[in-house]
């Protein structure tokens, strides 16, 4: 099966939660629309707040995670782990190039 992949650039931002701060990017709308299109049939089976499992690469660093629907933007949020930010020397406010592929049967 051919992987469903997207490439895009997005700006990292810091979200201050109740107990910790998290770094995210908001996916561009065309990427979010693509994810919705390719995961439509599986949407009823999704768990974890409508999350979608993905593989992500920034520079030389790759990892697996999930993107989460964001009602405010109408897109998805992608969390950026601390280990990735350290490895790639990136932080909130930086615009970063991403490669993202859908996992689990795509």
C-alpha atoms as a PDB file:
ATOM      1  CA  UNK A   1       0.000   0.000   0.000  1.00  0.00           C
ATOM      2  CA  UNK A   2       1.284   3.460  -0.883  1.00  0.00           C
ATOM      3  CA  UNK A   3       1.852   5.635   2.199  1.00  0.00           C
ATOM      4  CA  UNK A   4      -0.275   8.764   2.481  1.00  0.00           C
ATOM      5  CA  UNK A   5       2.253  11.548   3.090  1.00  0.00           C
ATOM      6  CA  UNK A   6       2.271  15.314   3.384  1.00  0.00           C
ATOM      7  CA  UNK A   7       5.083  17.889   3.424  1.00  0.00           C
ATOM      8  CA  UNK A   8       4.565  21.333   4.906  1.00  0.00           C
ATOM      9  CA  UNK A   9       6.073  24.147   6.945  1.00  0.00           C
ATOM     10  CA  UNK A  10       4.569  25.379  10.190  1.00  0.00           C
ATOM     11  CA  UNK A  11       5.449  27.603  13.128  1.00  0.00           C
ATOM     12  CA  UNK A  12       6.011  26.005  16.534  1.00  0.00           C
ATOM     13  CA  UNK A  13       4.042  27.480  19.418  1.00  0.00           C
ATOM     14  CA  UNK A  14       4.037  26.971  23.162  1.00  0.00           C
ATOM     15  CA  UNK A  15       0.805  26.008  24.914  1.00  0.00           C
ATOM     16  CA  UNK A  16       0.702  26.481  28.667  1.00  0.00           C
ATOM     17  CA  UNK A  17      -1.435  23.775  30.265  1.00  0.00           C
ATOM     18  CA  UNK A  18      -2.436  23.359  33.889  1.00  0.00           C
ATOM     19  CA  UNK A  19       0.723  21.531  34.916  1.00  0.00           C
ATOM     20  CA  UNK A  20       3.159  21.853  32.004  1.00  0.00           C
ATOM     21  CA  UNK A  21       3.938  23.628  28.772  1.00  0.00           C
ATOM     22  CA  UNK A  22       3.689  21.775  25.465  1.00  0.00           C
ATOM     23  CA  UNK A  23       5.045  22.667  22.044  1.00  0.00           C
ATOM     24  CA  UNK A  24       2.781  22.146  19.029  1.00  0.00           C
ATOM     25  CA  UNK A  25       2.249  23.117  15.427  1.00  0.00           C
ATOM     26  CA  UNK A  26      -1.131  23.632  13.805  1.00  0.00           C
ATOM     27  CA  UNK A  27      -1.281  21.703  10.561  1.00  0.00           C
ATOM     28  CA  UNK A  28      -2.024  23.755   7.433  1.00  0.00           C
ATOM     29  CA  UNK A  29      -5.666  23.415   6.378  1.00  0.00           C
ATOM     30  CA  UNK A  30      -4.843  21.538   3.161  1.00  0.00           C
ATOM     31  CA  UNK A  31      -2.994  18.900   5.214  1.00  0.00           C
ATOM     32  CA  UNK A  32      -5.862  18.705   7.742  1.00  0.00           C
ATOM     33  CA  UNK A  33      -8.346  18.315   4.893  1.00  0.00           C
ATOM     34  CA  UNK A  34      -6.215  15.524   3.418  1.00  0.00           C
ATOM     35  CA  UNK A  35      -6.090  13.708   6.748  1.00  0.00           C
ATOM     36  CA  UNK A  36      -9.869  13.989   7.118  1.00  0.00           C
ATOM     37  CA  UNK A  37     -10.352  12.719   3.558  1.00  0.00           C
ATOM     38  CA  UNK A  38      -8.117   9.662   3.956  1.00  0.00           C
ATOM     39  CA  UNK A  39      -9.332   8.782   7.458  1.00  0.00           C
ATOM     40  CA  UNK A  40     -13.067   9.375   6.886  1.00  0.00           C
ATOM     41  CA  UNK A  41     -14.058   5.692   6.918  1.00  0.00           C
ATOM     42  CA  UNK A  42     -12.040   5.031  10.068  1.00  0.00           C
ATOM     43  CA  UNK A  43     -13.361   8.102  11.904  1.00  0.00           C
ATOM     44  CA  UNK A  44     -16.028   6.144  13.772  1.00  0.00           C
ATOM     45  CA  UNK A  45     -13.359   3.766  15.099  1.00  0.00           C
ATOM     46  CA  UNK A  46     -10.979   6.489  16.316  1.00  0.00           C
ATOM     47  CA  UNK A  47     -10.119   6.737  19.973  1.00  0.00           C
ATOM     48  CA  UNK A  48      -8.355   9.347  22.033  1.00  0.00           C
ATOM     49  CA  UNK A  49     -10.192  12.574  21.199  1.00  0.00           C
ATOM     50  CA  UNK A  50     -10.355  11.808  17.462  1.00  0.00           C
ATOM     51  CA  UNK A  51      -6.600  11.486  17.206  1.00  0.00           C
ATOM     52  CA  UNK A  52      -4.910  10.107  14.088  1.00  0.00           C
ATOM     53  CA  UNK A  53      -1.664   8.121  14.301  1.00  0.00           C
ATOM     54  CA  UNK A  54       1.176   9.557  12.217  1.00  0.00           C
ATOM     55  CA  UNK A  55       4.897   9.247  11.536  1.00  0.00           C
ATOM     56  CA  UNK A  56       6.758  12.555  11.419  1.00  0.00           C
ATOM     57  CA  UNK A  57      10.186  13.743  10.307  1.00  0.00           C
ATOM     58  CA  UNK A  58      11.989  17.014  10.892  1.00  0.00           C
ATOM     59  CA  UNK A  59      15.491  17.174   9.463  1.00  0.00           C
ATOM     60  CA  UNK A  60      17.301  13.994  10.553  1.00  0.00           C
ATOM     61  CA  UNK A  61      14.803  13.166  13.317  1.00  0.00           C
ATOM     62  CA  UNK A  62      11.791  10.860  12.885  1.00  0.00           C
ATOM     63  CA  UNK A  63       9.209   9.686  15.417  1.00  0.00           C
ATOM     64  CA  UNK A  64       5.670   8.361  15.757  1.00  0.00           C
ATOM     65  CA  UNK A  65       2.880  10.266  17.476  1.00  0.00           C
ATOM     66  CA  UNK A  66      -0.710  11.340  16.901  1.00  0.00           C
ATOM     67  CA  UNK A  67      -2.315  14.542  15.664  1.00  0.00           C
ATOM     68  CA  UNK A  68      -5.340  15.835  17.557  1.00  0.00           C
ATOM     69  CA  UNK A  69      -8.349  17.760  16.209  1.00  0.00           C
ATOM     70  CA  UNK A  70      -8.380  21.408  17.262  1.00  0.00           C
ATOM     71  CA  UNK A  71     -11.836  22.991  17.353  1.00  0.00           C
ATOM     72  CA  UNK A  72     -10.405  26.513  17.566  1.00  0.00           C
ATOM     73  CA  UNK A  73      -8.480  26.317  14.279  1.00  0.00           C
ATOM     74  CA  UNK A  74     -10.537  23.606  12.572  1.00  0.00           C
ATOM     75  CA  UNK A  75      -7.272  21.783  11.882  1.00  0.00           C
ATOM     76  CA  UNK A  76      -5.109  19.310  13.796  1.00  0.00           C
ATOM     77  CA  UNK A  77      -2.395  19.901  16.384  1.00  0.00           C
ATOM     78  CA  UNK A  78       0.909  18.054  16.184  1.00  0.00           C
ATOM     79  CA  UNK A  79       2.858  17.807  19.466  1.00  0.00           C
ATOM     80  CA  UNK A  80       6.623  18.244  19.142  1.00  0.00           C
ATOM     81  CA  UNK A  81       8.535  16.235  21.749  1.00  0.00           C
ATOM     82  CA  UNK A  82      11.346  17.838  23.736  1.00  0.00           C
ATOM     83  CA  UNK A  83      13.840  15.271  22.457  1.00  0.00           C
ATOM     84  CA  UNK A  84      13.008  16.251  18.868  1.00  0.00           C
ATOM     85  CA  UNK A  85      13.326  19.973  19.630  1.00  0.00           C
ATOM     86  CA  UNK A  86      16.730  19.389  21.233  1.00  0.00           C
ATOM     87  CA  UNK A  87      17.980  17.104  18.435  1.00  0.00           C
ATOM     88  CA  UNK A  88      16.946  19.586  15.731  1.00  0.00           C
ATOM     89  CA  UNK A  89      17.786  22.750  17.733  1.00  0.00           C
ATOM     90  CA  UNK A  90      14.299  24.223  17.292  1.00  0.00           C
ATOM     91  CA  UNK A  91      11.971  26.060  19.658  1.00  0.00           C
ATOM     92  CA  UNK A  92       8.667  27.917  19.841  1.00  0.00           C
ATOM     93  CA  UNK A  93       8.498  30.633  17.197  1.00  0.00           C
ATOM     94  CA  UNK A  94      10.590  28.726  14.639  1.00  0.00           C
ATOM     95  CA  UNK A  95       9.127  27.833  11.248  1.00  0.00           C
ATOM     96  CA  UNK A  96      10.027  24.225  10.530  1.00  0.00           C
ATOM     97  CA  UNK A  97       9.709  21.874   7.525  1.00  0.00           C
ATOM     98  CA  UNK A  98       7.819  18.649   8.271  1.00  0.00           C
ATOM     99  CA  UNK A  99       7.137  15.355   6.536  1.00  0.00           C
ATOM    100  CA  UNK A 100       4.090  13.546   7.933  1.00  0.00           C
ATOM    101  CA  UNK A 101       2.668  10.131   6.969  1.00  0.00           C
ATOM    102  CA  UNK A 102      -0.524   8.438   8.130  1.00  0.00           C
ATOM    103  CA  UNK A 103      -0.047   5.138  10.018  1.00  0.00           C
ATOM    104  CA  UNK A 104      -2.219   2.087  10.663  1.00  0.00           C
ATOM    105  CA  UNK A 105      -3.351   0.757   7.339  1.00  0.00           C
ATOM    106  CA  UNK A 106      -2.650   3.684   5.029  1.00  0.00           C
END
